[in-house]
C-alpha cells in the first residue's frame, strides 16, 4: 500500500490537461490501487491522478458506503440541467464554495481491465463527483467555477463550528 501525498492549488500539475492512457497495464492498475488508498486516507469521495502528481487521465470515484471504482480516460459524453452545489476539494483544503454543476452527467471510459464502461448519474453526489474529477484531468479546479475568489468560504475547523464543516461535501 502506498499513500501518495495530495498536490495543492498552486502546483502546476493540477493545471495541465492530463495525458490519455494508451494501455491499461500493471503500472496503471498499481496507480489505481495507490490512488484508491490515497483517496480513502484523505477521506475524499474522488481523486484524479494529477492530484497525486501523475499527469494521466485516471480517476477514482468512492461514494459513501460503496466500493471505489476507477475510470481510465474519463470523458463526459452528455450533460444536462444545472444545480447549485456546495463543493470542496482535497487539493484546496480548508475551503468550500457554491458552484453550478450539471444535474445529469454521462461519462465513458475504461475500467481497470481496459473494458469500455459508461456511467450515468443524475441529481446526486455521484453526478457531482464525476464532473469534478473529469474537470481535474482537464486541468480545471472547482474554484475556477466560482463567480469570484471572494465566494470561496474558509472552513472553521474549531470544535464549536463542526456543523459548518459537515455541511460541505469534499467532492474529491
N, C-alpha and C. Protein backbone atom coordinates (compact mmCIF):
# COMPACT_ATOMS: atom_id res chain seq x y z
N UNK A 1 0.85 -1.18 0.00
CA UNK A 1 0.00 0.00 0.00
C UNK A 1 0.89 1.24 0.00
N UNK A 2 0.61 2.14 -0.93
CA UNK A 2 1.35 3.39 -0.99
C UNK A 2 0.37 4.56 -0.99
N UNK A 3 0.37 5.30 0.09
CA UNK A 3 -0.45 6.51 0.15
C UNK A 3 0.43 7.65 -0.35
N UNK A 4 -0.02 8.27 -1.42
CA UNK A 4 0.77 9.34 -2.03
C UNK A 4 0.26 10.70 -1.56
N UNK A 5 1.16 11.66 -1.42
CA UNK A 5 0.74 12.99 -0.95
C UNK A 5 -0.13 13.71 -1.98
N UNK A 6 -1.11 14.42 -1.48
CA UNK A 6 -2.02 15.20 -2.32
C UNK A 6 -1.32 16.49 -2.73
N UNK A 7 -1.46 16.86 -3.99
CA UNK A 7 -0.93 18.12 -4.50
C UNK A 7 -1.98 19.20 -4.28
N UNK A 8 -1.52 20.41 -3.98
CA UNK A 8 -2.42 21.51 -3.64
C UNK A 8 -2.45 22.59 -4.70
N UNK A 9 -3.52 23.38 -4.66
CA UNK A 9 -3.68 24.53 -5.55
C UNK A 9 -2.37 25.30 -5.60
N UNK A 10 -1.91 25.61 -6.78
CA UNK A 10 -0.62 26.26 -6.98
C UNK A 10 0.39 25.32 -7.60
N UNK A 11 0.18 24.00 -7.44
CA UNK A 11 1.06 23.02 -8.06
C UNK A 11 0.73 22.97 -9.56
N UNK A 12 1.71 23.17 -10.44
CA UNK A 12 1.44 23.22 -11.88
C UNK A 12 0.79 21.97 -12.46
N UNK A 13 1.01 20.79 -11.87
CA UNK A 13 0.44 19.56 -12.41
C UNK A 13 -1.09 19.60 -12.39
N UNK A 14 -1.67 20.37 -11.47
CA UNK A 14 -3.13 20.46 -11.38
C UNK A 14 -3.74 21.28 -12.51
N UNK A 15 -2.92 22.05 -13.21
CA UNK A 15 -3.42 22.93 -14.27
C UNK A 15 -3.12 22.41 -15.67
N UNK A 16 -2.46 21.27 -15.76
CA UNK A 16 -2.12 20.70 -17.06
C UNK A 16 -3.17 19.67 -17.47
N UNK A 17 -3.67 19.74 -18.71
CA UNK A 17 -4.54 18.65 -19.16
C UNK A 17 -3.74 17.34 -19.11
N UNK A 18 -4.32 16.33 -18.49
CA UNK A 18 -3.64 15.06 -18.32
C UNK A 18 -3.58 14.29 -19.64
N UNK A 19 -2.58 13.43 -19.74
CA UNK A 19 -2.36 12.64 -20.95
C UNK A 19 -3.24 11.39 -20.95
N UNK A 20 -3.71 11.05 -22.13
CA UNK A 20 -4.53 9.85 -22.30
C UNK A 20 -3.70 8.61 -22.03
N UNK A 21 -4.30 7.64 -21.34
CA UNK A 21 -3.66 6.36 -21.07
C UNK A 21 -3.77 5.51 -22.34
N UNK A 22 -2.63 5.05 -22.84
CA UNK A 22 -2.62 4.26 -24.08
C UNK A 22 -3.04 2.81 -23.85
N UNK A 23 -2.66 2.27 -22.69
CA UNK A 23 -2.97 0.87 -22.40
C UNK A 23 -3.13 0.69 -20.90
N UNK A 24 -4.16 -0.01 -20.49
CA UNK A 24 -4.34 -0.33 -19.07
C UNK A 24 -3.48 -1.56 -18.77
N UNK A 25 -2.36 -1.30 -18.10
CA UNK A 25 -1.41 -2.36 -17.79
C UNK A 25 -1.16 -2.40 -16.28
N UNK A 26 -0.14 -3.15 -15.87
CA UNK A 26 0.15 -3.29 -14.45
C UNK A 26 0.51 -1.95 -13.80
N UNK A 27 1.19 -1.07 -14.53
CA UNK A 27 1.52 0.25 -13.98
C UNK A 27 0.23 1.02 -13.66
N UNK A 28 -0.72 1.00 -14.56
CA UNK A 28 -1.99 1.72 -14.36
C UNK A 28 -2.77 1.08 -13.22
N UNK A 29 -2.79 -0.25 -13.16
CA UNK A 29 -3.51 -0.91 -12.06
C UNK A 29 -2.87 -0.59 -10.71
N UNK A 30 -1.55 -0.47 -10.65
CA UNK A 30 -0.88 -0.09 -9.41
C UNK A 30 -1.22 1.36 -9.05
N UNK A 31 -1.24 2.22 -10.08
CA UNK A 31 -1.64 3.62 -9.88
C UNK A 31 -3.06 3.68 -9.32
N UNK A 32 -3.96 2.89 -9.87
CA UNK A 32 -5.35 2.85 -9.39
C UNK A 32 -5.39 2.44 -7.91
N UNK A 33 -4.62 1.43 -7.55
CA UNK A 33 -4.57 0.98 -6.16
C UNK A 33 -4.06 2.09 -5.25
N UNK A 34 -2.94 2.72 -5.64
CA UNK A 34 -2.37 3.81 -4.83
C UNK A 34 -3.34 4.98 -4.72
N UNK A 35 -3.99 5.33 -5.83
CA UNK A 35 -4.95 6.44 -5.80
C UNK A 35 -6.12 6.13 -4.87
N UNK A 36 -6.59 4.89 -4.92
CA UNK A 36 -7.71 4.49 -4.05
C UNK A 36 -7.31 4.60 -2.59
N UNK A 37 -6.14 4.10 -2.24
CA UNK A 37 -5.65 4.18 -0.86
C UNK A 37 -5.46 5.63 -0.43
N UNK A 38 -4.94 6.46 -1.32
CA UNK A 38 -4.71 7.88 -1.02
C UNK A 38 -6.03 8.61 -0.80
N UNK A 39 -7.03 8.30 -1.64
CA UNK A 39 -8.36 8.93 -1.50
C UNK A 39 -9.01 8.54 -0.18
N UNK A 40 -8.95 7.26 0.16
CA UNK A 40 -9.55 6.78 1.41
C UNK A 40 -8.85 7.43 2.60
N UNK A 41 -7.53 7.47 2.56
CA UNK A 41 -6.76 8.08 3.65
C UNK A 41 -7.12 9.55 3.84
N UNK A 42 -7.37 10.26 2.73
CA UNK A 42 -7.69 11.69 2.78
C UNK A 42 -9.18 11.93 3.02
N UNK A 43 -9.98 10.86 3.08
CA UNK A 43 -11.42 10.93 3.32
C UNK A 43 -12.15 11.70 2.22
N UNK A 44 -11.76 11.46 0.98
CA UNK A 44 -12.42 12.06 -0.17
C UNK A 44 -13.42 11.09 -0.79
N UNK A 45 -14.21 11.58 -1.73
CA UNK A 45 -15.13 10.73 -2.47
C UNK A 45 -14.68 10.59 -3.92
N UNK A 46 -13.53 11.15 -4.23
CA UNK A 46 -12.96 11.03 -5.56
C UNK A 46 -11.56 11.58 -5.55
N UNK A 47 -10.77 11.14 -6.53
CA UNK A 47 -9.41 11.65 -6.69
C UNK A 47 -9.02 11.44 -8.15
N UNK A 48 -8.21 12.36 -8.65
CA UNK A 48 -7.69 12.27 -10.02
C UNK A 48 -6.18 12.14 -9.95
N UNK A 49 -5.59 11.43 -10.91
CA UNK A 49 -4.15 11.19 -10.90
C UNK A 49 -3.33 12.47 -10.76
N UNK A 50 -3.69 13.59 -11.41
CA UNK A 50 -2.90 14.81 -11.20
C UNK A 50 -2.83 15.25 -9.74
N UNK A 51 -3.82 14.88 -8.94
CA UNK A 51 -3.82 15.27 -7.53
C UNK A 51 -2.74 14.57 -6.71
N UNK A 52 -2.17 13.50 -7.28
CA UNK A 52 -1.02 12.87 -6.62
C UNK A 52 0.23 13.03 -7.50
N UNK A 53 0.18 13.97 -8.42
CA UNK A 53 1.36 14.31 -9.22
C UNK A 53 1.58 13.49 -10.47
N UNK A 54 0.59 12.71 -10.88
CA UNK A 54 0.71 11.88 -12.08
C UNK A 54 -0.18 12.46 -13.17
N UNK A 55 0.43 12.87 -14.27
CA UNK A 55 -0.29 13.56 -15.33
C UNK A 55 -0.93 12.58 -16.32
N UNK A 56 -1.83 11.74 -15.81
CA UNK A 56 -2.55 10.78 -16.63
C UNK A 56 -4.05 10.90 -16.37
N UNK A 57 -4.85 10.52 -17.37
CA UNK A 57 -6.31 10.60 -17.27
C UNK A 57 -6.85 9.37 -16.55
N UNK A 58 -6.71 9.38 -15.23
CA UNK A 58 -7.22 8.30 -14.38
C UNK A 58 -7.89 8.95 -13.18
N UNK A 59 -9.11 8.50 -12.86
CA UNK A 59 -9.82 9.00 -11.68
C UNK A 59 -10.37 7.82 -10.90
N UNK A 60 -10.59 8.06 -9.63
CA UNK A 60 -11.24 7.09 -8.74
C UNK A 60 -12.46 7.79 -8.15
N UNK A 61 -13.58 7.09 -8.13
CA UNK A 61 -14.80 7.59 -7.52
C UNK A 61 -15.13 6.66 -6.35
N UNK A 62 -15.36 7.22 -5.18
CA UNK A 62 -15.66 6.41 -4.00
C UNK A 62 -16.84 6.98 -3.23
N UNK A 63 -18.02 6.60 -3.63
CA UNK A 63 -19.22 7.07 -2.95
C UNK A 63 -19.32 6.46 -1.55
N UNK A 64 -19.87 7.21 -0.60
CA UNK A 64 -20.04 6.65 0.75
C UNK A 64 -20.79 5.31 0.68
N UNK A 65 -20.32 4.35 1.44
CA UNK A 65 -20.93 3.02 1.54
C UNK A 65 -20.89 2.21 0.25
N UNK A 66 -20.02 2.59 -0.70
CA UNK A 66 -19.86 1.82 -1.93
C UNK A 66 -18.38 1.58 -2.17
N UNK A 67 -18.07 0.54 -2.91
CA UNK A 67 -16.68 0.22 -3.23
C UNK A 67 -16.17 1.23 -4.27
N UNK A 68 -15.00 1.85 -4.04
CA UNK A 68 -14.45 2.80 -5.01
C UNK A 68 -14.19 2.12 -6.36
N UNK A 69 -14.35 2.89 -7.44
CA UNK A 69 -14.09 2.34 -8.77
C UNK A 69 -13.31 3.35 -9.61
N UNK A 70 -12.45 2.81 -10.50
CA UNK A 70 -11.65 3.70 -11.36
C UNK A 70 -12.34 3.96 -12.69
N UNK A 71 -11.97 5.07 -13.30
CA UNK A 71 -12.33 5.35 -14.69
C UNK A 71 -11.05 5.84 -15.36
N UNK A 72 -10.61 5.11 -16.36
CA UNK A 72 -9.43 5.47 -17.12
C UNK A 72 -9.90 6.20 -18.38
N UNK A 73 -9.25 7.30 -18.70
CA UNK A 73 -9.62 8.16 -19.84
C UNK A 73 -11.08 8.61 -19.77
N UNK A 74 -11.51 9.12 -18.60
CA UNK A 74 -12.91 9.54 -18.49
C UNK A 74 -13.21 10.72 -19.40
N UNK A 75 -14.39 10.67 -19.97
CA UNK A 75 -14.85 11.75 -20.85
C UNK A 75 -16.35 11.94 -20.66
N UNK A 76 -16.75 13.17 -20.43
CA UNK A 76 -18.19 13.45 -20.33
C UNK A 76 -18.76 13.46 -21.74
N UNK A 77 -19.75 12.58 -21.97
CA UNK A 77 -20.35 12.49 -23.30
C UNK A 77 -21.73 13.15 -23.35
N UNK A 78 -22.29 13.40 -22.17
CA UNK A 78 -23.59 14.08 -22.12
C UNK A 78 -23.75 14.73 -20.77
N UNK A 79 -24.28 15.93 -20.77
CA UNK A 79 -24.65 16.60 -19.52
C UNK A 79 -25.87 17.44 -19.80
N UNK A 80 -26.69 17.61 -18.77
CA UNK A 80 -27.89 18.43 -18.93
C UNK A 80 -28.31 18.99 -17.59
N UNK A 81 -29.10 20.06 -17.66
CA UNK A 81 -29.60 20.70 -16.46
C UNK A 81 -28.50 21.40 -15.69
N UNK A 82 -28.90 22.06 -14.62
CA UNK A 82 -27.92 22.70 -13.76
C UNK A 82 -28.47 22.78 -12.34
N UNK A 83 -27.55 22.85 -11.41
CA UNK A 83 -27.90 22.96 -9.99
C UNK A 83 -26.74 23.60 -9.27
N UNK A 84 -27.05 24.32 -8.22
CA UNK A 84 -26.02 24.97 -7.42
C UNK A 84 -25.66 24.04 -6.27
N UNK A 85 -24.35 23.83 -6.09
CA UNK A 85 -23.87 22.89 -5.07
C UNK A 85 -22.73 23.50 -4.27
N UNK A 86 -22.64 23.07 -3.02
CA UNK A 86 -21.51 23.42 -2.17
C UNK A 86 -20.43 22.38 -2.43
N UNK A 87 -19.24 22.83 -2.81
CA UNK A 87 -18.21 21.89 -3.20
C UNK A 87 -16.88 22.20 -2.53
N UNK A 88 -16.14 21.15 -2.25
CA UNK A 88 -14.79 21.26 -1.71
C UNK A 88 -13.87 20.36 -2.51
N UNK A 89 -12.60 20.33 -2.14
CA UNK A 89 -11.62 19.57 -2.91
C UNK A 89 -10.41 19.25 -2.03
N UNK A 90 -9.89 18.05 -2.18
CA UNK A 90 -8.69 17.66 -1.44
C UNK A 90 -7.51 18.55 -1.77
N UNK A 91 -7.49 19.11 -2.97
CA UNK A 91 -6.38 19.97 -3.41
C UNK A 91 -6.56 21.43 -3.00
N UNK A 92 -7.69 21.75 -2.39
CA UNK A 92 -7.94 23.10 -1.87
C UNK A 92 -8.47 22.92 -0.44
N UNK A 93 -7.62 22.40 0.46
CA UNK A 93 -8.10 22.09 1.81
C UNK A 93 -8.47 23.34 2.60
N UNK A 94 -9.50 23.15 3.43
CA UNK A 94 -9.90 24.24 4.32
C UNK A 94 -10.87 25.23 3.70
N UNK A 95 -11.34 24.96 2.49
CA UNK A 95 -12.26 25.88 1.81
C UNK A 95 -13.36 25.10 1.10
N UNK A 96 -14.45 25.80 0.84
CA UNK A 96 -15.53 25.28 0.00
C UNK A 96 -16.23 26.47 -0.63
N UNK A 97 -17.08 26.19 -1.59
CA UNK A 97 -17.79 27.27 -2.25
C UNK A 97 -18.96 26.77 -3.07
N UNK A 98 -19.90 27.67 -3.34
CA UNK A 98 -21.07 27.34 -4.15
C UNK A 98 -20.72 27.50 -5.62
N UNK A 99 -20.96 26.44 -6.39
CA UNK A 99 -20.73 26.48 -7.83
C UNK A 99 -21.92 25.84 -8.55
N UNK A 100 -21.98 25.99 -9.85
CA UNK A 100 -23.03 25.37 -10.65
C UNK A 100 -22.45 24.14 -11.34
N UNK A 101 -23.12 23.03 -11.17
CA UNK A 101 -22.78 21.77 -11.82
C UNK A 101 -23.99 21.29 -12.62
N UNK A 102 -23.76 20.34 -13.51
CA UNK A 102 -24.85 19.75 -14.28
C UNK A 102 -25.72 18.89 -13.37
N UNK A 103 -26.97 18.77 -13.75
CA UNK A 103 -27.89 17.92 -12.99
C UNK A 103 -27.69 16.46 -13.38
N UNK A 104 -27.50 16.21 -14.69
CA UNK A 104 -27.31 14.85 -15.20
C UNK A 104 -25.99 14.80 -15.96
N UNK A 105 -25.22 13.73 -15.71
CA UNK A 105 -23.91 13.56 -16.34
C UNK A 105 -23.77 12.11 -16.81
N UNK A 106 -23.24 11.94 -18.03
CA UNK A 106 -22.90 10.61 -18.54
C UNK A 106 -21.42 10.64 -18.90
N UNK A 107 -20.67 9.69 -18.33
CA UNK A 107 -19.22 9.61 -18.55
C UNK A 107 -18.90 8.25 -19.16
N UNK A 108 -17.98 8.26 -20.14
CA UNK A 108 -17.48 7.00 -20.68
C UNK A 108 -15.99 6.92 -20.41
N UNK A 109 -15.47 5.70 -20.38
CA UNK A 109 -14.06 5.48 -20.15
C UNK A 109 -13.78 3.99 -20.12
N UNK A 110 -12.70 3.63 -19.45
CA UNK A 110 -12.29 2.24 -19.33
C UNK A 110 -12.22 1.85 -17.86
N UNK A 111 -12.47 0.57 -17.57
CA UNK A 111 -12.30 0.08 -16.20
C UNK A 111 -10.86 -0.40 -16.01
N UNK A 112 -10.57 -1.00 -14.86
CA UNK A 112 -9.20 -1.42 -14.55
C UNK A 112 -8.71 -2.58 -15.42
N UNK A 113 -9.61 -3.19 -16.17
CA UNK A 113 -9.22 -4.27 -17.10
C UNK A 113 -9.13 -3.78 -18.54
N UNK A 114 -9.43 -2.51 -18.75
CA UNK A 114 -9.38 -1.94 -20.10
C UNK A 114 -10.67 -2.08 -20.87
N UNK A 115 -11.75 -2.50 -20.21
CA UNK A 115 -13.05 -2.64 -20.86
C UNK A 115 -13.80 -1.30 -20.85
N UNK A 116 -14.54 -1.05 -21.92
CA UNK A 116 -15.35 0.16 -22.02
C UNK A 116 -16.43 0.17 -20.93
N UNK A 117 -16.61 1.32 -20.30
CA UNK A 117 -17.70 1.50 -19.34
C UNK A 117 -18.39 2.82 -19.61
N UNK A 118 -19.61 2.92 -19.16
CA UNK A 118 -20.40 4.14 -19.27
C UNK A 118 -21.16 4.28 -17.96
N UNK A 119 -21.08 5.46 -17.36
CA UNK A 119 -21.72 5.70 -16.07
C UNK A 119 -22.62 6.92 -16.19
N UNK A 120 -23.86 6.76 -15.79
CA UNK A 120 -24.82 7.86 -15.79
C UNK A 120 -25.24 8.15 -14.36
N UNK A 121 -25.36 9.42 -14.04
CA UNK A 121 -25.80 9.82 -12.70
C UNK A 121 -26.64 11.08 -12.83
N UNK A 122 -27.62 11.20 -11.96
CA UNK A 122 -28.50 12.37 -12.04
C UNK A 122 -28.85 12.88 -10.65
N UNK A 123 -28.61 14.18 -10.46
CA UNK A 123 -29.05 14.90 -9.28
C UNK A 123 -28.57 14.26 -7.97
N UNK A 124 -27.31 13.81 -7.95
CA UNK A 124 -26.78 13.20 -6.74
C UNK A 124 -25.28 13.48 -6.62
N UNK A 125 -24.68 12.99 -5.54
CA UNK A 125 -23.26 13.19 -5.30
C UNK A 125 -22.41 12.54 -6.39
N UNK A 126 -22.84 11.41 -6.92
CA UNK A 126 -22.09 10.75 -7.99
C UNK A 126 -21.98 11.66 -9.21
N UNK A 127 -23.06 12.30 -9.61
CA UNK A 127 -23.01 13.21 -10.77
C UNK A 127 -22.02 14.34 -10.51
N UNK A 128 -22.06 14.89 -9.30
CA UNK A 128 -21.14 15.96 -8.92
C UNK A 128 -19.69 15.48 -8.96
N UNK A 129 -19.43 14.31 -8.38
CA UNK A 129 -18.06 13.78 -8.33
C UNK A 129 -17.53 13.45 -9.73
N UNK A 130 -18.37 12.89 -10.58
CA UNK A 130 -17.94 12.59 -11.95
C UNK A 130 -17.48 13.86 -12.66
N UNK A 131 -18.30 14.89 -12.58
CA UNK A 131 -17.96 16.15 -13.24
C UNK A 131 -16.71 16.78 -12.62
N UNK A 132 -16.62 16.73 -11.31
CA UNK A 132 -15.48 17.30 -10.58
C UNK A 132 -14.17 16.61 -10.99
N UNK A 133 -14.17 15.28 -11.03
CA UNK A 133 -12.95 14.53 -11.34
C UNK A 133 -12.56 14.67 -12.81
N UNK A 134 -13.52 14.70 -13.72
CA UNK A 134 -13.19 14.92 -15.13
C UNK A 134 -12.60 16.32 -15.30
N UNK A 135 -13.12 17.28 -14.55
CA UNK A 135 -12.51 18.62 -14.55
C UNK A 135 -11.02 18.52 -14.20
N UNK A 136 -10.70 17.75 -13.17
CA UNK A 136 -9.30 17.62 -12.73
C UNK A 136 -8.39 17.14 -13.85
N UNK A 137 -8.79 16.11 -14.59
CA UNK A 137 -7.92 15.61 -15.66
C UNK A 137 -7.87 16.56 -16.85
N UNK A 138 -8.76 17.54 -16.86
CA UNK A 138 -8.72 18.58 -17.89
C UNK A 138 -7.98 19.83 -17.42
N UNK A 139 -7.43 19.79 -16.20
CA UNK A 139 -6.67 20.92 -15.67
C UNK A 139 -7.51 22.00 -15.04
N UNK A 140 -8.73 21.66 -14.65
CA UNK A 140 -9.67 22.62 -14.06
C UNK A 140 -9.96 22.23 -12.61
N UNK A 141 -10.03 23.24 -11.74
CA UNK A 141 -10.41 23.02 -10.34
C UNK A 141 -11.76 23.67 -10.08
N UNK A 142 -12.43 23.22 -9.04
CA UNK A 142 -13.76 23.76 -8.75
C UNK A 142 -13.73 25.27 -8.52
N UNK A 143 -12.61 25.78 -8.02
CA UNK A 143 -12.52 27.23 -7.77
C UNK A 143 -12.63 28.03 -9.06
N UNK A 144 -12.35 27.40 -10.19
CA UNK A 144 -12.49 28.07 -11.49
C UNK A 144 -13.95 28.31 -11.84
N UNK A 145 -14.86 27.61 -11.18
CA UNK A 145 -16.30 27.76 -11.43
C UNK A 145 -16.95 28.79 -10.51
N UNK A 146 -16.20 29.31 -9.56
CA UNK A 146 -16.75 30.34 -8.66
C UNK A 146 -16.95 31.63 -9.44
N UNK A 147 -17.95 32.41 -9.04
CA UNK A 147 -18.15 33.71 -9.66
C UNK A 147 -16.95 34.62 -9.40
N UNK A 148 -16.41 34.56 -8.19
CA UNK A 148 -15.20 35.30 -7.85
C UNK A 148 -14.51 34.58 -6.69
N UNK A 149 -13.25 34.88 -6.47
CA UNK A 149 -12.50 34.24 -5.38
C UNK A 149 -13.08 34.61 -4.02
N UNK A 150 -13.81 35.72 -3.96
CA UNK A 150 -14.45 36.12 -2.70
C UNK A 150 -15.56 35.15 -2.31
N UNK A 151 -16.02 34.32 -3.26
CA UNK A 151 -17.05 33.33 -2.97
C UNK A 151 -16.49 32.08 -2.30
N UNK A 152 -15.17 31.99 -2.18
CA UNK A 152 -14.53 30.88 -1.51
C UNK A 152 -14.72 31.08 0.00
N UNK A 153 -15.22 30.05 0.68
CA UNK A 153 -15.53 30.14 2.10
C UNK A 153 -14.55 29.30 2.89
N UNK A 154 -13.90 29.92 3.88
CA UNK A 154 -12.96 29.19 4.73
C UNK A 154 -13.75 28.34 5.71
N UNK A 155 -13.31 27.11 5.87
CA UNK A 155 -13.94 26.19 6.82
C UNK A 155 -13.26 26.37 8.16
N UNK A 156 -14.04 26.69 9.16
CA UNK A 156 -13.52 26.81 10.51
C UNK A 156 -13.56 25.43 11.14
N UNK A 157 -12.41 24.88 11.48
CA UNK A 157 -12.35 23.52 12.00
C UNK A 157 -12.30 23.45 13.52
N UNK A 158 -12.58 24.57 14.19
CA UNK A 158 -12.60 24.51 15.65
C UNK A 158 -13.78 23.66 16.11
N UNK A 159 -13.70 23.06 17.28
CA UNK A 159 -14.76 22.15 17.76
C UNK A 159 -16.14 22.79 17.83
N UNK A 160 -16.21 24.10 17.98
CA UNK A 160 -17.51 24.76 18.13
C UNK A 160 -18.19 25.00 16.80
N UNK A 161 -17.51 24.75 15.68
CA UNK A 161 -18.12 25.04 14.37
C UNK A 161 -18.12 23.82 13.46
N UNK A 162 -18.10 22.63 14.03
CA UNK A 162 -18.07 21.44 13.21
C UNK A 162 -19.30 21.32 12.33
N UNK A 163 -20.43 21.88 12.71
CA UNK A 163 -21.62 21.79 11.86
C UNK A 163 -21.39 22.52 10.54
N UNK A 164 -20.62 23.59 10.53
CA UNK A 164 -20.30 24.28 9.28
C UNK A 164 -19.45 23.37 8.40
N UNK A 165 -18.47 22.72 8.99
CA UNK A 165 -17.58 21.85 8.24
C UNK A 165 -18.37 20.66 7.65
N UNK A 166 -19.28 20.11 8.40
CA UNK A 166 -20.01 18.94 7.94
C UNK A 166 -21.04 19.26 6.85
N UNK A 167 -21.37 20.52 6.64
CA UNK A 167 -22.31 20.88 5.59
C UNK A 167 -21.64 20.92 4.23
N UNK A 168 -20.34 20.84 4.16
CA UNK A 168 -19.61 20.93 2.90
C UNK A 168 -19.20 19.55 2.43
N UNK A 169 -19.48 19.24 1.16
CA UNK A 169 -19.04 17.96 0.60
C UNK A 169 -17.62 18.12 0.10
N UNK A 170 -16.73 17.24 0.50
CA UNK A 170 -15.36 17.22 -0.02
C UNK A 170 -15.39 16.30 -1.23
N UNK A 171 -15.73 16.86 -2.39
CA UNK A 171 -16.01 16.08 -3.57
C UNK A 171 -14.89 15.15 -3.94
N UNK A 172 -13.67 15.59 -3.76
CA UNK A 172 -12.60 14.64 -4.04
C UNK A 172 -11.59 14.65 -2.93
